[in-house]
Amino acid sequence: MQTKYIRNPTQKNDLRKSTSKYQGLIRKNMNIILFTDKNPYGFNITDQLMRANIKIKSVLIEQYPPRKRIERFKLKIKAFIPKYFINILRKIRKLESINKWEQNKTYKTISDLVIIVKNFNSEKTELIVKKLNPDLIILAGSRILKENIILIPRIGILNAHPGLLPKYRGVDVIQWAIYNFDPIGVTIHFIDKGVDTGLICKQKKITIEKHDTIESLRRKAALESGILMKNVVLEILENQTIATYPNKNEEGKQYFKMTEEELKEANLRLINININE
């Protein structure tokens, strides 16, 4: 019998208007690939997927190329530093005394196929992803993706957003929620061509406790995002369906990076929230 798939919500005649649930069967052995730019926020997602033994076919890592001026600076340095000293630096570098999420070998523990790309939206990446033929893509740190990538997976692309959609889209949403004296939380959603406008799968509010800081709340959000993403993927695999509901964009707006003055004010308002707890 031919296997049926959930329809990618970005494709024509999607289910957005007709139902709040994806219908159809999902393969138990789905082709899942992971996108990451190796940031600590995204690594919480990677870590939770590993802990749950969720099979990942491939990991695509976007590794930014060094700037030309940095390369020129290195050439100048090499001209003045003795060769033996450069060899020492190379040996130190091989020790990889860096964070786990920065090491390519860490991602080889979740998949045998780790691919380095320069840009997730490039034509080269598009060809790679099409060849991998994924059912589902999970984002664990990524730039905003374009439609040439979004439309490839059969089911769609899942993202973890550190804010409660639809009210808080964009960046610095934890700070903006505090600034507005609103609840904070995380959302797992499918992406579309908009910014944080895709169908919502699950959300969880985060409790602000005494002595919390914006940084501690960011860490809480990162941890909860990983756990919630794992739960969504397990639900797709185990129940062969996932409930979603509309992301009513008119009920929120897109936020942008805070100014220093706005950030200071957010910190002051967080102190007031802590005092009143």
Foldseek 3Di string as FASTA:
>chain_A
DDADAFAQQQDPPHCAPPAQKTDGFDDLPFAEEEEAQLDPLLVLQVVLCVVVLPAYAEYEYAHADDDPVVVVVVVVVVVPDDPVVVVVVVVVVVVVPDDLSVDPVSVCSRYVHYHYDNACADPVVLVVLLVSQGQEYEYSHHDQYAPSNQNRHRHGYKYKAFADFDAEWAPPRLLVCLLVVHWTWMWIFGDYNDTPFGWTFDIDTDDQEAPDFSVNSSVVRSNVSNVVVSVQVVCCSPVRMTGTHGRPNVNHDYDYDDDPVSSVSSRVSSNVVNVVD
